[in-house]
Protein backbone atom coordinates (compact mmCIF):
# COMPACT_ATOMS: atom_id res chain seq x y z
CA MET A 1 191.97 157.04 145.75
CA SER A 2 190.97 157.98 142.14
CA ASP A 3 189.85 161.23 141.61
CA ARG A 4 186.33 159.57 140.87
CA GLN A 5 186.37 158.20 144.75
CA LYS A 6 187.55 161.99 145.53
CA THR A 7 184.58 163.33 144.05
CA GLN A 8 182.02 160.64 145.77
CA THR A 9 180.05 161.43 148.58
CA LEU A 10 180.54 159.17 151.40
CA LYS A 11 177.49 157.86 153.10
CA THR A 12 177.94 155.23 155.63
CA ALA A 13 174.26 153.95 156.16
CA ILE A 14 175.08 150.36 154.64
CA HIS A 15 172.07 148.13 155.69
CA PHE A 16 172.95 144.42 154.32
CA GLY A 17 170.29 142.35 153.83
CA THR A 18 169.91 138.96 153.13
CA ASP A 19 171.17 139.11 149.16
CA GLY A 20 173.32 141.69 150.18
CA TRP A 21 173.03 145.32 149.87
CA ARG A 22 172.04 147.27 147.17
CA GLY A 23 172.38 151.63 146.20
CA VAL A 24 172.52 154.51 144.07
CA ILE A 25 175.26 154.51 142.19
CA GLY A 26 177.29 157.37 142.70
CA GLU A 27 175.64 158.40 145.88
CA ASP A 28 175.86 155.53 148.67
CA PHE A 29 177.08 152.79 146.09
CA ILE A 30 180.59 153.87 145.76
CA ASP A 31 184.19 152.19 145.86
CA GLU A 32 184.96 152.98 149.53
CA ASN A 33 181.16 151.56 150.64
CA VAL A 34 181.99 148.92 147.98
CA ALA A 35 185.41 147.76 150.21
CA LYS A 36 183.58 148.00 153.41
CA VAL A 37 181.01 145.81 152.37
CA ALA A 38 183.57 143.24 150.62
CA HIS A 39 185.65 143.41 153.92
CA ALA A 40 182.96 142.48 156.34
CA ILE A 41 182.38 139.74 153.95
CA ALA A 42 185.97 138.51 153.86
CA ARG A 43 186.39 138.55 157.41
CA TYR A 44 183.06 136.49 157.69
CA VAL A 45 184.89 134.10 155.42
CA VAL A 46 188.06 134.05 157.44
CA ARG A 47 186.39 133.49 160.69
CA ALA A 48 183.79 131.13 159.79
CA GLU A 49 184.74 129.42 156.37
CA LYS A 50 187.58 127.65 154.59
CA PHE A 51 189.23 130.83 153.55
CA ASP A 52 191.93 129.03 151.64
CA ARG A 53 188.97 127.80 149.13
CA GLY A 54 188.84 131.57 147.98
CA VAL A 55 185.92 133.85 146.66
CA VAL A 56 184.36 133.57 143.45
CA VAL A 57 183.35 137.31 142.54
CA GLY A 58 181.48 138.46 139.30
CA TYR A 59 179.60 141.28 138.07
CA ASP A 60 176.39 142.10 136.03
CA THR A 61 176.02 144.98 133.17
CA ARG A 62 175.47 147.90 134.62
CA LEU A 63 177.45 151.52 134.93
CA GLY A 64 180.86 150.65 136.59
CA SER A 65 180.41 146.80 137.66
CA GLU A 66 183.40 145.65 137.00
CA ASP A 67 184.97 148.74 138.45
CA PHE A 68 183.21 147.73 141.63
CA ALA A 69 183.78 144.02 141.24
CA ARG A 70 187.49 144.81 140.91
CA VAL A 71 187.44 147.04 144.18
CA ALA A 72 185.90 143.87 145.99
CA ALA A 73 188.25 141.42 144.30
CA GLU A 74 190.89 143.51 145.54
CA THR A 75 189.75 143.80 148.69
CA VAL A 76 188.74 140.22 149.53
CA ALA A 77 192.47 139.27 148.22
CA ALA A 78 194.10 141.55 150.82
CA ALA A 79 192.57 139.80 153.47
CA GLY A 80 194.46 137.03 152.52
CA ILE A 81 191.82 135.28 150.89
CA PRO A 82 192.39 133.98 146.95
CA VAL A 83 189.73 135.56 144.67
CA TRP A 84 188.90 133.96 140.91
CA LEU A 85 187.64 137.42 139.05
CA SER A 86 184.92 137.00 136.38
CA THR A 87 186.14 138.08 132.81
CA GLY A 88 183.61 139.11 131.54
CA ALA A 89 179.98 140.19 132.72
CA CYS A 90 177.80 137.17 133.65
CA PRO A 91 174.29 135.97 135.67
CA THR A 92 174.06 135.69 139.31
CA PRO A 93 173.43 132.14 139.67
CA ALA A 94 176.33 131.12 137.21
CA VAL A 95 178.63 132.85 140.12
CA SER A 96 176.16 130.26 142.83
CA LEU A 97 177.30 127.63 140.35
CA LEU A 98 181.11 128.42 140.22
CA VAL A 99 180.67 128.23 143.89
CA ARG A 100 179.33 125.13 144.30
CA GLN A 101 181.65 123.79 141.53
CA ARG A 102 184.59 124.96 142.81
CA GLN A 103 183.86 124.26 146.41
CA ALA A 104 184.69 127.91 147.21
CA ALA A 105 183.92 130.05 150.31
CA ALA A 106 181.36 132.14 148.74
CA GLY A 107 180.74 134.01 145.84
CA ILE A 108 180.29 138.15 145.44
CA GLN A 109 177.97 139.24 142.74
CA ILE A 110 178.36 143.06 141.64
CA THR A 111 174.69 143.39 140.90
CA ALA A 112 171.44 145.28 141.56
CA SER A 113 169.15 142.39 139.96
CA HIS A 114 165.60 143.92 138.51
CA ASN A 115 166.08 147.76 139.89
CA PRO A 116 166.27 150.64 138.12
CA SER A 117 169.86 151.41 136.24
CA GLN A 118 170.69 154.13 138.97
CA TRP A 119 171.23 151.22 141.31
CA ASN A 120 173.67 148.89 142.02
CA GLY A 121 174.39 145.99 145.06
CA VAL A 122 176.53 143.61 146.55
CA LYS A 123 175.06 139.60 146.49
CA LEU A 124 176.99 136.97 148.89
CA LYS A 125 176.19 133.89 147.45
CA ALA A 126 177.49 131.10 150.40
CA GLY A 127 178.92 127.41 149.86
CA TYR A 128 176.17 125.56 148.94
CA GLY A 129 175.45 127.76 145.46
CA SER A 130 172.76 129.97 146.70
CA SER A 131 171.58 132.73 148.85
CA ALA A 132 173.33 133.14 152.02
CA SER A 133 171.22 131.73 154.74
CA PRO A 134 169.87 134.05 157.60
CA ALA A 135 172.50 132.70 160.18
CA ILE A 136 175.31 133.92 157.65
CA VAL A 137 173.71 137.09 157.08
CA ALA A 138 174.30 138.05 160.65
CA GLN A 139 177.12 136.80 160.64
CA VAL A 140 178.36 138.94 157.92
CA GLU A 141 175.74 142.08 159.35
CA ALA A 142 178.26 141.92 162.65
CA GLU A 143 181.21 141.80 161.01
CA LEU A 144 179.99 145.18 158.85
CA GLU A 145 179.09 146.60 161.78
CA ASN A 146 182.96 146.91 163.23
CA VAL A 147 183.80 147.75 159.69
CA LEU A 148 181.90 150.51 159.74
CA ARG A 149 183.23 152.08 163.24
CA ASP A 150 186.62 151.02 162.43
CA GLY A 151 187.30 151.50 158.66
CA VAL A 152 188.72 149.18 156.36
CA PRO A 153 192.45 149.02 157.36
CA ALA A 154 195.08 149.83 154.98
CA LEU A 155 196.74 146.01 154.05
CA PRO A 156 199.10 146.00 151.06
CA PRO A 157 197.71 144.56 148.10
CA ARG A 158 198.28 140.80 146.97
CA GLU A 159 197.20 140.41 143.50
CA ASP A 160 199.03 137.60 143.28
CA LEU A 161 195.67 135.64 144.82
CA ILE A 162 193.70 137.50 142.04
CA HIS A 163 192.83 134.71 139.10
CA PRO A 164 190.40 135.56 136.37
CA LEU A 165 188.01 132.79 135.29
CA ASP A 166 186.06 132.24 132.51
CA ILE A 167 182.61 131.82 134.18
CA ARG A 168 181.04 131.35 131.34
CA THR A 169 181.84 128.12 130.03
CA PRO A 170 181.11 125.68 132.49
CA TYR A 171 177.97 127.05 133.18
CA LEU A 172 176.32 126.72 129.75
CA ASP A 173 178.03 123.64 129.27
CA THR A 174 176.18 122.16 132.88
CA LEU A 175 173.21 123.85 131.68
CA ASP A 176 173.73 121.76 128.17
CA GLY A 177 172.67 118.86 130.33
CA LEU A 178 169.51 119.61 132.14
CA VAL A 179 166.61 118.64 129.11
CA ASP A 180 166.04 116.47 126.55
CA TRP A 181 167.21 118.22 123.45
CA ASP A 182 166.36 115.22 120.83
CA ARG A 183 162.56 116.53 121.49
CA LEU A 184 163.25 120.05 121.28
CA ARG A 185 165.09 119.47 117.66
CA ALA A 186 162.33 117.79 116.91
CA SER A 187 160.04 119.97 117.78
CA PRO A 188 158.91 123.15 115.31
CA PHE A 189 158.71 125.88 117.53
CA ARG A 190 160.71 128.75 117.23
CA PHE A 191 162.17 131.02 120.10
CA VAL A 192 163.16 135.06 120.42
CA ILE A 193 165.05 135.69 124.07
CA ASP A 194 165.30 139.06 125.78
CA PRO A 195 167.82 139.46 128.26
CA MET A 196 166.57 143.01 129.01
CA HIS A 197 170.45 143.87 128.18
CA GLY A 198 171.44 142.71 131.48
CA ALA A 199 174.33 139.86 132.03
CA GLY A 200 171.87 136.69 130.47
CA SER A 201 172.78 138.01 126.98
CA GLY A 202 173.64 135.56 124.68
CA LEU A 203 173.69 132.42 127.06
CA LEU A 204 170.37 130.68 126.12
CA LEU A 205 170.89 132.18 122.29
CA GLU A 206 174.03 130.18 122.57
CA LEU A 207 172.92 126.63 123.86
CA PHE A 208 170.00 127.10 121.20
CA GLY A 209 172.69 126.91 118.34
CA ARG A 210 174.38 124.50 120.07
CA HIS A 211 171.03 122.30 118.56
CA GLY A 212 170.28 123.80 115.89
CA ILE A 213 166.72 125.03 117.63
CA GLN A 214 165.44 128.26 115.44
CA ALA A 215 165.84 131.00 117.76
CA ALA A 216 166.71 134.98 117.91
CA GLU A 217 167.43 137.68 120.72
CA ILE A 218 166.56 141.03 121.31
CA ARG A 219 168.19 143.73 124.00
CA GLY A 220 171.04 141.54 123.86
CA THR A 221 173.58 144.06 123.90
CA ARG A 222 174.98 146.14 127.00
CA ASP A 223 173.09 149.31 128.21
CA PRO A 224 173.66 150.60 131.53
CA ARG A 225 170.16 152.16 131.28
CA PHE A 226 168.17 149.04 130.37
CA GLY A 227 167.12 151.03 127.38
CA GLY A 228 165.04 152.98 129.77
CA VAL A 229 163.14 150.73 131.31
CA HIS A 230 163.52 148.48 134.62
CA PRO A 231 165.14 145.08 133.58
CA GLU A 232 162.34 143.36 135.19
CA PRO A 233 160.52 140.44 133.25
CA ILE A 234 157.22 141.55 134.14
CA GLU A 235 154.59 143.92 132.28
CA PRO A 236 154.93 147.02 131.53
CA HIS A 237 158.95 145.83 130.77
CA VAL A 238 158.45 142.96 128.25
CA GLU A 239 156.54 145.44 125.71
CA ALA A 240 159.48 144.92 123.17
CA LEU A 241 159.60 141.08 123.56
CA ARG A 242 155.35 140.79 122.95
CA ARG A 243 156.38 142.92 119.87
CA ALA A 244 159.32 140.78 119.05
CA VAL A 245 157.13 137.49 119.26
CA LEU A 246 153.68 139.00 117.55
CA GLU A 247 155.87 140.53 114.49
CA GLY A 248 158.36 137.37 114.17
CA GLY A 249 155.68 134.83 114.57
CA TYR A 250 157.54 133.23 117.04
CA ASP A 251 156.19 130.36 118.94
CA ALA A 252 156.91 131.86 122.91
CA GLY A 253 159.56 134.45 124.13
CA PHE A 254 161.66 134.50 126.94
CA ALA A 255 162.54 137.35 129.30
CA PHE A 256 165.52 137.54 131.83
CA ASP A 257 165.67 140.40 134.68
CA GLY A 258 169.01 142.18 134.86
CA ASP A 259 170.79 139.44 136.41
CA ALA A 260 169.20 136.90 134.82
CA ASP A 261 167.87 134.56 137.81
CA ARG A 262 163.86 135.77 137.50
CA ILE A 263 161.97 134.68 134.33
CA GLY A 264 159.16 136.45 132.42
CA ALA A 265 157.34 134.65 129.05
CA ILE A 266 154.99 135.84 126.67
CA GLY A 267 153.16 133.32 124.43
CA SER A 268 152.77 133.10 120.95
CA ASP A 269 149.35 135.39 120.54
CA GLY A 270 150.91 138.35 122.98
CA THR A 271 149.85 136.48 126.24
CA PHE A 272 151.92 137.79 129.20
CA ILE A 273 152.68 134.54 131.13
CA THR A 274 152.77 135.13 134.69
CA PRO A 275 155.34 133.69 137.22
CA HIS A 276 152.41 132.33 138.84
CA GLN A 277 152.17 130.24 135.36
CA ILE A 278 155.17 129.09 134.53
CA PHE A 279 155.96 127.24 137.79
CA ALA A 280 152.61 125.72 137.65
CA ILE A 281 153.96 124.36 134.06
CA LEU A 282 156.88 123.36 135.18
CA LEU A 283 155.82 121.54 138.22
CA TRP A 284 153.35 119.59 136.21
CA HIS A 285 155.36 118.93 133.72
CA LEU A 286 157.97 117.96 135.88
CA ALA A 287 155.94 115.91 138.55
CA GLY A 288 153.41 114.50 135.98
CA THR A 289 155.04 114.27 132.35
CA ARG A 290 158.99 113.20 133.46
CA LYS A 291 157.55 111.97 137.04
CA LEU A 292 160.48 113.37 139.06
CA SER A 293 160.82 112.45 142.53
CA GLY A 294 160.70 115.13 145.08
CA ASN A 295 157.86 117.73 147.11
CA VAL A 296 157.23 121.43 146.31
CA ALA A 297 158.28 124.65 148.09
CA LYS A 298 156.60 128.29 147.44
CA THR A 299 155.77 131.29 149.15
CA PHE A 300 152.92 132.31 150.40
CA SER A 301 152.05 134.66 148.01
CA THR A 302 151.52 132.14 145.12
CA THR A 303 148.97 130.42 142.83
CA LYS A 304 146.87 128.02 144.74
CA MET A 305 147.35 126.30 141.66
CA ILE A 306 150.48 124.81 143.10
CA ASP A 307 148.57 122.95 145.97
CA ARG A 308 146.05 121.49 143.17
CA ILE A 309 148.75 120.25 140.98
CA SER A 310 151.33 119.17 144.20
CA GLU A 311 147.87 116.81 145.41
CA LYS A 312 147.74 115.62 142.44
CA PHE A 313 150.80 114.34 141.87
CA GLY A 314 151.28 113.06 145.82
CA ARG A 315 153.61 115.69 146.74
CA LYS A 316 153.75 116.91 149.78
CA LEU A 317 154.09 121.21 149.46
CA PHE A 318 155.79 123.42 151.88
CA GLU A 319 154.92 126.65 151.91
CA THR A 320 157.30 129.88 153.47
CA PRO A 321 156.92 133.30 154.08
CA ILE A 322 157.91 135.18 151.13
CA GLY A 323 161.65 135.85 149.75
CA PHE A 324 163.59 132.93 147.92
CA LYS A 325 165.55 132.45 151.07
CA TYR A 326 163.13 130.57 152.64
CA ILE A 327 162.70 128.51 149.36
CA CYS A 328 166.30 128.15 149.27
CA ASP A 329 166.23 126.47 153.23
CA ARG A 330 163.58 124.24 152.05
CA MET A 331 165.47 123.20 149.39
CA LEU A 332 168.88 122.51 151.73
CA GLU A 333 167.24 120.49 154.10
CA SER A 334 164.09 118.39 152.34
CA ASP A 335 163.70 117.03 148.68
CA ILE A 336 162.41 119.72 147.13
CA LEU A 337 162.04 119.09 143.27
CA LEU A 338 160.89 122.39 142.61
CA GLY A 339 160.12 125.91 145.14
CA GLY A 340 159.35 128.86 143.51
CA GLU A 341 157.93 132.55 144.35
CA GLU A 342 155.43 134.73 142.65
CA SER A 343 158.22 137.11 140.83
CA GLY A 344 159.75 134.71 138.63
CA GLY A 345 162.56 132.96 140.95
CA ILE A 346 162.31 129.30 140.47
CA GLY A 347 164.75 126.73 141.60
CA THR A 348 164.68 122.41 140.66
CA LYS A 349 166.87 120.17 142.27
CA LEU A 350 167.56 119.07 138.87
CA TYR A 351 170.49 122.09 139.39
CA LEU A 352 171.28 124.63 142.10
CA PRO A 353 168.42 125.64 145.41
CA GLU A 354 168.67 128.53 142.88
CA ARG A 355 166.75 130.80 141.12
CA ASP A 356 168.11 130.69 137.23
CA ALA A 357 165.70 132.22 134.71
CA THR A 358 167.99 130.14 131.60
CA VAL A 359 166.88 127.04 133.28
CA ASN A 360 163.61 127.65 133.48
CA ALA A 361 163.74 129.05 129.93
CA LEU A 362 165.10 125.72 128.89
CA LEU A 363 162.12 123.86 130.72
CA LEU A 364 159.84 125.69 129.44
CA ALA A 365 161.23 125.45 125.68
CA GLU A 366 161.35 121.33 126.73
CA VAL A 367 157.53 121.40 127.69
CA MET A 368 156.62 122.73 124.51
CA ALA A 369 158.55 120.39 122.67
CA TRP A 370 157.48 117.54 124.91
CA ARG A 371 153.45 118.53 124.71
CA GLY A 372 153.81 119.64 121.57
CA LYS A 373 151.61 122.81 122.71
CA ARG A 374 152.37 126.44 122.28
CA LEU A 375 152.79 128.19 126.18
CA GLU A 376 149.24 129.68 125.84
CA GLU A 377 147.46 126.26 125.42
CA LEU A 378 150.14 124.61 128.38
CA VAL A 379 147.83 127.64 130.85
CA GLY A 380 144.54 126.98 129.20
CA GLU A 381 145.30 122.86 130.13
CA LEU A 382 145.77 123.57 133.50
CA HIS A 383 142.78 125.94 133.72
CA ARG A 384 140.78 123.05 132.86
CA GLU A 385 142.61 120.11 134.39
CA PHE A 386 142.74 122.65 138.31
CA GLY A 387 140.05 125.57 137.84
CA GLU A 388 140.94 128.62 136.39
CA HIS A 389 143.68 130.88 138.87
CA HIS A 390 144.22 134.50 137.77
CA TYR A 391 146.34 136.53 140.19
CA GLY A 392 147.11 140.05 139.88
CA ARG A 393 148.62 142.61 142.09
CA VAL A 394 149.09 146.43 143.29
CA ASP A 395 152.14 148.39 144.96
CA LEU A 396 150.44 151.28 146.89
CA THR A 397 152.87 153.80 148.26
CA LEU A 398 151.53 155.47 151.43
CA GLY A 399 151.69 158.06 153.96
CA ASP A 400 153.14 157.29 157.61
CA GLY A 401 151.47 155.22 159.34
CA GLN A 402 148.95 153.86 156.61
CA LYS A 403 150.25 150.76 155.94
CA GLU A 404 150.05 149.47 159.76
CA LYS A 405 146.85 151.10 159.77
CA ALA A 406 146.07 148.76 156.56
CA ILE A 407 147.54 145.32 157.88
CA GLU A 408 145.28 145.72 161.48
CA TYR A 409 142.26 146.48 159.10
CA PHE A 410 142.25 143.38 157.25
CA ALA A 411 143.69 141.41 160.59
CA ASP A 412 140.73 142.54 162.65
CA GLY A 413 137.79 140.26 163.17
CA LYS A 414 135.78 143.02 162.24
CA PHE A 415 136.81 142.62 158.44
CA GLN A 416 134.23 140.06 157.57
CA ARG A 417 133.06 140.83 153.63
CA LEU A 418 134.62 142.53 150.94
CA LEU A 419 132.35 143.11 148.35
CA ASP A 420 130.19 140.52 147.14
CA TRP A 421 132.17 137.73 149.38
CA PRO A 422 132.43 137.04 152.63
CA VAL A 423 135.93 136.47 154.38
CA VAL A 424 135.89 132.48 155.29
CA ARG A 425 139.07 132.47 157.00
CA ARG A 426 142.74 134.29 157.37
CA GLU A 427 146.10 133.66 157.40
CA ASP A 428 149.00 135.81 158.63
CA MET A 429 152.49 133.76 158.30
CA ASP A 430 154.05 136.67 156.04
CA GLY A 431 151.44 139.65 155.47
CA VAL A 432 147.36 138.79 156.02
CA LYS A 433 145.54 137.03 153.38
CA ALA A 434 141.51 136.88 153.57
CA TYR A 435 140.16 133.69 151.86
CA LEU A 436 136.39 135.28 149.72
CA GLY A 437 133.95 132.37 149.70
CA ASP A 438 135.03 129.79 147.65
CA ILE A 439 136.39 132.49 144.53
CA GLY A 440 139.74 132.75 145.99
CA TRP A 441 142.34 134.85 147.71
CA VAL A 442 143.52 138.59 148.80
CA MET A 443 146.30 139.38 150.94
CA VAL A 444 147.82 142.67 151.83
CA ARG A 445 151.68 142.90 153.31
CA ALA A 446 153.53 145.91 154.38
CA SER A 447 156.61 146.67 152.58
CA GLY A 448 159.85 146.22 155.57
CA THR A 449 161.79 148.97 154.03
CA GLU A 450 159.55 151.33 152.18
CA ARG A 451 155.92 153.29 152.61
CA MET A 452 154.42 150.69 150.50
CA LEU A 453 152.11 148.00 150.78
CA ARG A 454 151.16 145.24 147.99
CA VAL A 455 147.86 144.23 147.94
CA TYR A 456 148.08 140.75 145.99
CA ALA A 457 144.68 138.52 144.71
CA GLU A 458 143.97 135.42 142.94
CA THR A 459 139.74 134.58 142.35
CA THR A 460 138.55 132.17 140.04
CA ARG A 461 137.90 135.31 136.69
CA PRO A 462 139.98 138.10 136.12
CA GLU A 463 137.59 140.61 136.21
CA THR A 464 136.93 139.17 139.52
CA THR A 465 140.41 139.70 140.82
CA ARG A 466 140.63 143.23 139.19
CA ARG A 467 137.87 144.05 141.17
CA VAL A 468 138.90 142.56 144.43
CA LEU A 469 142.18 144.93 143.80
CA GLU A 470 140.59 148.04 143.23
CA GLU A 471 137.90 148.02 145.99
CA VAL A 472 141.28 146.77 148.63
CA THR A 473 143.06 149.93 147.21
CA SER A 474 139.99 152.06 147.85
CA LEU A 475 139.54 150.74 151.25
CA VAL A 476 143.08 151.43 152.42
CA LYS A 477 143.34 154.84 150.86
CA ASN A 478 140.05 155.55 153.07
CA LEU A 479 141.67 154.40 155.65
């Protein structure tokens, strides 16, 4: 055991969720616990998969991620499973792609995605190249219970089973074939890219450079503290990108989260282009302009503009509970052209049943080149054609029992009106969504792990969305 391990305080409460496990570095996210999770995954692979196909292991740019990846690789290899260990930091969707291309048994990515810098995590990817299904997760959780009870056995090391893998090259080569480069080269647009010091650094910039597209990158160096901001591509964390777009006169800016599976964007005028708008632009383009086949999947909290675009182009729309795992399941079961969630995770059948910020940035650039419009102009066209949709969300940290009271209140038939608008109907797929006359909807959803209530709203005017969110916040705090 290393000196670093000896000085760490081991905590055994490891909760393995759909996308894996996350913890605070140096507290519960330590070598011993990473080994426990990796051994549980190895036990699952040996029992349920063709283990000789091996496991792909990657990592992001967080503090110690390469060391934790080595711990995971050594643990899996000790169980007799071949391992392909990334030779450098890489996006989570790149690991998913390599798992699928190599027909590997599974993938492990060391990352805490968009969480603050003190966190790290272990993401599990299934052989089909995306989030593990609930059935797979249940099996891994059962194996983890055994490991937490019995510990990781002292197996002899198997360095001969650990092989270096260049993930970057095949990943970029695959993405290179997704868009119409001739149109992009013929357009005058210039782009700025913001990987937020994360695992997406340099990738989109290289693809643009291969094809002579004018682009620059900010926050592309490795910084385990992510420059002191959360590596999540939403306001206010994208302020540096907004400044870069405006000061450099760029036509658009693209931001990626820490492991480059979520996207955010900035228009040429500094407008933040929300994930809902990005989803809508891409659907409008792929189904309408490119006339590609396939239906649509969205999570319960996502904009109703997707419904209108799907209807216009004759596409069946599937609505799922919140979480990309449900989108993935639908993409595996059906012919889904595009599937997405409100947090910026969007997947297309052109690629994988997986979120990928770099793929979505490429497609946004293609839309701009195809239509000769900047992002804010495309949003304006969508509003003119499908009606204005203005979305907002607030997260409320509450006291004991408050989030349960709030859910009960909004689900109760006595809740008949909010400000000027009657409640005309409700839905409760994942949280409670109340439709307010003909102006839109408001939704409340309790976090399953924190004392937090998420409040979402979408209406026809930005000031109306703000009023609805403020009123619901006041109601909840006074319950």
